[in-house]
Structures are given as C-alpha cells and as structure tokens.
Amino acid sequence: MKNLLARAALFMHDEDGVTAIEYGLLAGLIALLIIGGVTTLGTNLSAIFNNLADSI
C-alpha cells in the first residue's frame, strides 16, 4: 500500500507530461499563425499580380 501511495504522490508532482502538452499547444498555435499569415499573403500577392496583369 505504501508503494502505491508513493507512486501516486510521484505522479501528482510529475511535470514532464504537462510540459510536453504546453509545447504541443504552443507549436499548434504557431502553426495556425503561420498558416493564416501565408494565406493572407498569398491572397494579397494574387491581387497585386492580377492588377499588374490587367494594367499590362
């Protein structure tokens, strides 16, 4: 029984899993920001090149 309580106490204080989840969430947020930025940039560049092509 002591062994089980000791393991439970270690599990409650273990932060490795929490850190991995935090890094995963941060990486996902960064990926979403990059995708959004690239999509917006692509749309704007497309409009610029279309205007350029129309003026030629």
PDB file of N, CA and C in Angstrom:
ATOM      1  N   MET A   1       0.826  -1.188   0.000  1.00  0.00           N
ATOM      2  CA  MET A   1       0.000   0.000   0.000  1.00  0.00           C
ATOM      3  C   MET A   1       0.872   1.255   0.000  1.00  0.00           C
ATOM      4  N   LYS A   2       1.997   1.205   0.738  1.00  0.00           N
ATOM      5  CA  LYS A   2       2.901   2.344   0.780  1.00  0.00           C
ATOM      6  C   LYS A   2       3.474   2.644  -0.604  1.00  0.00           C
ATOM      7  N   ASN A   3       3.778   1.565  -1.322  1.00  0.00           N
ATOM      8  CA  ASN A   3       4.330   1.715  -2.662  1.00  0.00           C
ATOM      9  C   ASN A   3       3.323   2.418  -3.576  1.00  0.00           C
ATOM     10  N   LEU A   4       2.066   2.064  -3.460  1.00  0.00           N
ATOM     11  CA  LEU A   4       1.019   2.675  -4.282  1.00  0.00           C
ATOM     12  C   LEU A   4       0.873   4.155  -3.956  1.00  0.00           C
ATOM     13  N   LEU A   5       0.906   4.496  -2.677  1.00  0.00           N
ATOM     14  CA  LEU A   5       0.800   5.898  -2.277  1.00  0.00           C
ATOM     15  C   LEU A   5       2.017   6.700  -2.739  1.00  0.00           C
ATOM     16  N   ALA A   6       3.187   6.090  -2.664  1.00  0.00           N
ATOM     17  CA  ALA A   6       4.402   6.770  -3.116  1.00  0.00           C
ATOM     18  C   ALA A   6       4.344   7.025  -4.617  1.00  0.00           C
ATOM     19  N   ARG A   7       3.872   6.036  -5.367  1.00  0.00           N
ATOM     20  CA  ARG A   7       3.742   6.206  -6.821  1.00  0.00           C
ATOM     21  C   ARG A   7       2.712   7.270  -7.166  1.00  0.00           C
ATOM     22  N   ALA A   8       1.617   7.297  -6.437  1.00  0.00           N
ATOM     23  CA  ALA A   8       0.581   8.307  -6.678  1.00  0.00           C
ATOM     24  C   ALA A   8       1.122   9.703  -6.389  1.00  0.00           C
ATOM     25  N   ALA A   9       1.906   9.836  -5.328  1.00  0.00           N
ATOM     26  CA  ALA A   9       2.495  11.135  -4.992  1.00  0.00           C
ATOM     27  C   ALA A   9       3.477  11.579  -6.074  1.00  0.00           C
ATOM     28  N   LEU A  10       4.287  10.656  -6.576  1.00  0.00           N
ATOM     29  CA  LEU A  10       5.213  10.994  -7.655  1.00  0.00           C
ATOM     30  C   LEU A  10       4.466  11.398  -8.920  1.00  0.00           C
ATOM     31  N   PHE A  11       3.384  10.703  -9.202  1.00  0.00           N
ATOM     32  CA  PHE A  11       2.583  11.016 -10.389  1.00  0.00           C
ATOM     33  C   PHE A  11       1.981  12.413 -10.291  1.00  0.00           C
ATOM     34  N   MET A  12       1.538  12.783  -9.115  1.00  0.00           N
ATOM     35  CA  MET A  12       0.910  14.095  -8.929  1.00  0.00           C
ATOM     36  C   MET A  12       1.919  15.234  -9.082  1.00  0.00           C
ATOM     37  N   HIS A  13       3.192  14.971  -8.796  1.00  0.00           N
ATOM     38  CA  HIS A  13       4.212  16.015  -8.871  1.00  0.00           C
ATOM     39  C   HIS A  13       5.019  15.963 -10.163  1.00  0.00           C
ATOM     40  N   ASP A  14       4.735  15.004 -11.023  1.00  0.00           N
ATOM     41  CA  ASP A  14       5.458  14.874 -12.284  1.00  0.00           C
ATOM     42  C   ASP A  14       4.980  15.950 -13.255  1.00  0.00           C
ATOM     43  N   GLU A  15       5.905  16.724 -13.794  1.00  0.00           N
ATOM     44  CA  GLU A  15       5.541  17.812 -14.698  1.00  0.00           C
ATOM     45  C   GLU A  15       5.978  17.562 -16.137  1.00  0.00           C
ATOM     46  N   ASP A  16       6.561  16.416 -16.431  1.00  0.00           N
ATOM     47  CA  ASP A  16       7.026  16.149 -17.788  1.00  0.00           C
ATOM     48  C   ASP A  16       5.878  16.128 -18.785  1.00  0.00           C
ATOM     49  N   GLY A  17       4.786  15.504 -18.446  1.00  0.00           N
ATOM     50  CA  GLY A  17       3.642  15.438 -19.346  1.00  0.00           C
ATOM     51  C   GLY A  17       3.013  16.799 -19.570  1.00  0.00           C
ATOM     52  N   VAL A  18       2.947  17.593 -18.529  1.00  0.00           N
ATOM     53  CA  VAL A  18       2.370  18.934 -18.636  1.00  0.00           C
ATOM     54  C   VAL A  18       3.218  19.790 -19.559  1.00  0.00           C
ATOM     55  N   THR A  19       4.525  19.695 -19.422  1.00  0.00           N
ATOM     56  CA  THR A  19       5.423  20.473 -20.266  1.00  0.00           C
ATOM     57  C   THR A  19       5.277  20.064 -21.723  1.00  0.00           C
ATOM     58  N   ALA A  20       5.169  18.781 -21.985  1.00  0.00           N
ATOM     59  CA  ALA A  20       5.002  18.310 -23.354  1.00  0.00           C
ATOM     60  C   ALA A  20       3.699  18.825 -23.950  1.00  0.00           C
ATOM     61  N   ILE A  21       2.643  18.822 -23.174  1.00  0.00           N
ATOM     62  CA  ILE A  21       1.357  19.326 -23.658  1.00  0.00           C
ATOM     63  C   ILE A  21       1.453  20.823 -23.940  1.00  0.00           C
ATOM     64  N   GLU A  22       2.112  21.567 -23.064  1.00  0.00           N
ATOM     65  CA  GLU A  22       2.269  23.008 -23.279  1.00  0.00           C
ATOM     66  C   GLU A  22       3.050  23.287 -24.557  1.00  0.00           C
ATOM     67  N   TYR A  23       4.128  22.553 -24.781  1.00  0.00           N
ATOM     68  CA  TYR A  23       4.899  22.738 -26.009  1.00  0.00           C
ATOM     69  C   TYR A  23       4.072  22.357 -27.234  1.00  0.00           C
ATOM     70  N   GLY A  24       3.269  21.320 -27.116  1.00  0.00           N
ATOM     71  CA  GLY A  24       2.405  20.927 -28.230  1.00  0.00           C
ATOM     72  C   GLY A  24       1.377  21.993 -28.558  1.00  0.00           C
ATOM     73  N   LEU A  25       0.768  22.569 -27.532  1.00  0.00           N
ATOM     74  CA  LEU A  25      -0.201  23.644 -27.758  1.00  0.00           C
ATOM     75  C   LEU A  25       0.469  24.869 -28.365  1.00  0.00           C
ATOM     76  N   LEU A  26       1.650  25.193 -27.893  1.00  0.00           N
ATOM     77  CA  LEU A  26       2.384  26.336 -28.429  1.00  0.00           C
ATOM     78  C   LEU A  26       2.755  26.109 -29.895  1.00  0.00           C
ATOM     79  N   ALA A  27       3.203  24.915 -30.223  1.00  0.00           N
ATOM     80  CA  ALA A  27       3.544  24.596 -31.611  1.00  0.00           C
ATOM     81  C   ALA A  27       2.307  24.662 -32.501  1.00  0.00           C
ATOM     82  N   GLY A  28       1.170  24.186 -32.002  1.00  0.00           N
ATOM     83  CA  GLY A  28      -0.071  24.264 -32.775  1.00  0.00           C
ATOM     84  C   GLY A  28      -0.503  25.691 -33.020  1.00  0.00           C
ATOM     85  N   LEU A  29      -0.379  26.541 -32.019  1.00  0.00           N
ATOM     86  CA  LEU A  29      -0.736  27.952 -32.170  1.00  0.00           C
ATOM     87  C   LEU A  29       0.178  28.638 -33.178  1.00  0.00           C
ATOM     88  N   ILE A  30       1.463  28.359 -33.102  1.00  0.00           N
ATOM     89  CA  ILE A  30       2.405  28.941 -34.057  1.00  0.00           C
ATOM     90  C   ILE A  30       2.090  28.467 -35.469  1.00  0.00           C
ATOM     91  N   ALA A  31       1.757  27.197 -35.626  1.00  0.00           N
ATOM     92  CA  ALA A  31       1.404  26.672 -36.945  1.00  0.00           C
ATOM     93  C   ALA A  31       0.165  27.364 -37.492  1.00  0.00           C
ATOM     94  N   LEU A  32      -0.838  27.586 -36.651  1.00  0.00           N
ATOM     95  CA  LEU A  32      -2.045  28.286 -37.105  1.00  0.00           C
ATOM     96  C   LEU A  32      -1.731  29.716 -37.529  1.00  0.00           C
ATOM     97  N   LEU A  33      -0.878  30.392 -36.783  1.00  0.00           N
ATOM     98  CA  LEU A  33      -0.492  31.755 -37.145  1.00  0.00           C
ATOM     99  C   LEU A  33       0.264  31.788 -38.469  1.00  0.00           C
ATOM    100  N   ILE A  34       1.144  30.838 -38.673  1.00  0.00           N
ATOM    101  CA  ILE A  34       1.892  30.778 -39.929  1.00  0.00           C
ATOM    102  C   ILE A  34       0.956  30.499 -41.094  1.00  0.00           C
ATOM    103  N   ILE A  35       0.040  29.557 -40.930  1.00  0.00           N
ATOM    104  CA  ILE A  35      -0.913  29.235 -41.999  1.00  0.00           C
ATOM    105  C   ILE A  35      -1.776  30.444 -42.324  1.00  0.00           C
ATOM    106  N   GLY A  36      -2.256  31.129 -41.304  1.00  0.00           N
ATOM    107  CA  GLY A  36      -3.067  32.324 -41.531  1.00  0.00           C
ATOM    108  C   GLY A  36      -2.289  33.418 -42.235  1.00  0.00           C
ATOM    109  N   GLY A  37      -1.050  33.628 -41.832  1.00  0.00           N
ATOM    110  CA  GLY A  37      -0.216  34.647 -42.460  1.00  0.00           C
ATOM    111  C   GLY A  37       0.099  34.329 -43.906  1.00  0.00           C
ATOM    112  N   VAL A  38       0.428  33.086 -44.182  1.00  0.00           N
ATOM    113  CA  VAL A  38       0.745  32.686 -45.552  1.00  0.00           C
ATOM    114  C   VAL A  38      -0.494  32.778 -46.438  1.00  0.00           C
ATOM    115  N   THR A  39      -1.643  32.408 -45.916  1.00  0.00           N
ATOM    116  CA  THR A  39      -2.885  32.505 -46.684  1.00  0.00           C
ATOM    117  C   THR A  39      -3.196  33.954 -47.025  1.00  0.00           C
ATOM    118  N   THR A  40      -3.069  34.835 -46.050  1.00  0.00           N
ATOM    119  CA  THR A  40      -3.324  36.261 -46.286  1.00  0.00           C
ATOM    120  C   THR A  40      -2.316  36.836 -47.273  1.00  0.00           C
ATOM    121  N   LEU A  41      -1.059  36.489 -47.099  1.00  0.00           N
ATOM    122  CA  LEU A  41      -0.020  36.965 -48.002  1.00  0.00           C
ATOM    123  C   LEU A  41      -0.268  36.468 -49.423  1.00  0.00           C
ATOM    124  N   GLY A  42      -0.647  35.211 -49.559  1.00  0.00           N
ATOM    125  CA  GLY A  42      -0.933  34.656 -50.881  1.00  0.00           C
ATOM    126  C   GLY A  42      -2.089  35.360 -51.559  1.00  0.00           C
ATOM    127  N   THR A  43      -3.131  35.661 -50.816  1.00  0.00           N
ATOM    128  CA  THR A  43      -4.286  36.366 -51.372  1.00  0.00           C
ATOM    129  C   THR A  43      -3.885  37.768 -51.822  1.00  0.00           C
ATOM    130  N   ASN A  44      -3.119  38.461 -51.001  1.00  0.00           N
ATOM    131  CA  ASN A  44      -2.678  39.815 -51.350  1.00  0.00           C
ATOM    132  C   ASN A  44      -1.747  39.807 -52.555  1.00  0.00           C
ATOM    133  N   LEU A  45      -0.828  38.863 -52.620  1.00  0.00           N
ATOM    134  CA  LEU A  45       0.066  38.775 -53.770  1.00  0.00           C
ATOM    135  C   LEU A  45      -0.697  38.444 -55.042  1.00  0.00           C
ATOM    136  N   SER A  46      -1.679  37.599 -54.931  1.00  0.00           N
ATOM    137  CA  SER A  46      -2.503  37.264 -56.089  1.00  0.00           C
ATOM    138  C   SER A  46      -3.215  38.503 -56.612  1.00  0.00           C
ATOM    139  N   ALA A  47      -3.759  39.309 -55.722  1.00  0.00           N
ATOM    140  CA  ALA A  47      -4.440  40.539 -56.132  1.00  0.00           C
ATOM    141  C   ALA A  47      -3.455  41.507 -56.783  1.00  0.00           C
ATOM    142  N   ILE A  48      -2.263  41.617 -56.238  1.00  0.00           N
ATOM    143  CA  ILE A  48      -1.251  42.517 -56.814  1.00  0.00           C
ATOM    144  C   ILE A  48      -0.877  42.072 -58.220  1.00  0.00           C
ATOM    145  N   PHE A  49      -0.627  40.788 -58.396  1.00  0.00           N
ATOM    146  CA  PHE A  49      -0.235  40.297 -59.720  1.00  0.00           C
ATOM    147  C   PHE A  49      -1.394  40.372 -60.713  1.00  0.00           C
ATOM    148  N   ASN A  50      -2.616  40.169 -60.248  1.00  0.00           N
ATOM    149  CA  ASN A  50      -3.766  40.317 -61.143  1.00  0.00           C
ATOM    150  C   ASN A  50      -3.918  41.765 -61.591  1.00  0.00           C
ATOM    151  N   ASN A  51      -3.740  42.709 -60.685  1.00  0.00           N
ATOM    152  CA  ASN A  51      -3.795  44.128 -61.059  1.00  0.00           C
ATOM    153  C   ASN A  51      -2.675  44.485 -62.031  1.00  0.00           C
ATOM    154  N   LEU A  52      -1.500  43.940 -61.800  1.00  0.00           N
ATOM    155  CA  LEU A  52      -0.370  44.174 -62.692  1.00  0.00           C
ATOM    156  C   LEU A  52      -0.649  43.603 -64.079  1.00  0.00           C
ATOM    157  N   ALA A  53      -1.194  42.402 -64.121  1.00  0.00           N
ATOM    158  CA  ALA A  53      -1.511  41.770 -65.409  1.00  0.00           C
ATOM    159  C   ALA A  53      -2.601  42.542 -66.140  1.00  0.00           C
ATOM    160  N   ASP A  54      -3.578  43.059 -65.424  1.00  0.00           N
ATOM    161  CA  ASP A  54      -4.649  43.834 -66.050  1.00  0.00           C
ATOM    162  C   ASP A  54      -4.123  45.150 -66.616  1.00  0.00           C
ATOM    163  N   SER A  55      -3.148  45.745 -65.945  1.00  0.00           N
ATOM    164  CA  SER A  55      -2.628  47.026 -66.417  1.00  0.00           C
ATOM    165  C   SER A  55      -1.684  46.861 -67.604  1.00  0.00           C
ATOM    166  N   ILE A  56      -1.182  45.667 -67.808  1.00  0.00           N
ATOM    167  CA  ILE A  56      -0.296  45.421 -68.960  1.00  0.00           C
ATOM    168  C   ILE A  56      -1.153  45.125 -70.127  1.00  0.00           C
TER     169      ILE A  56
END
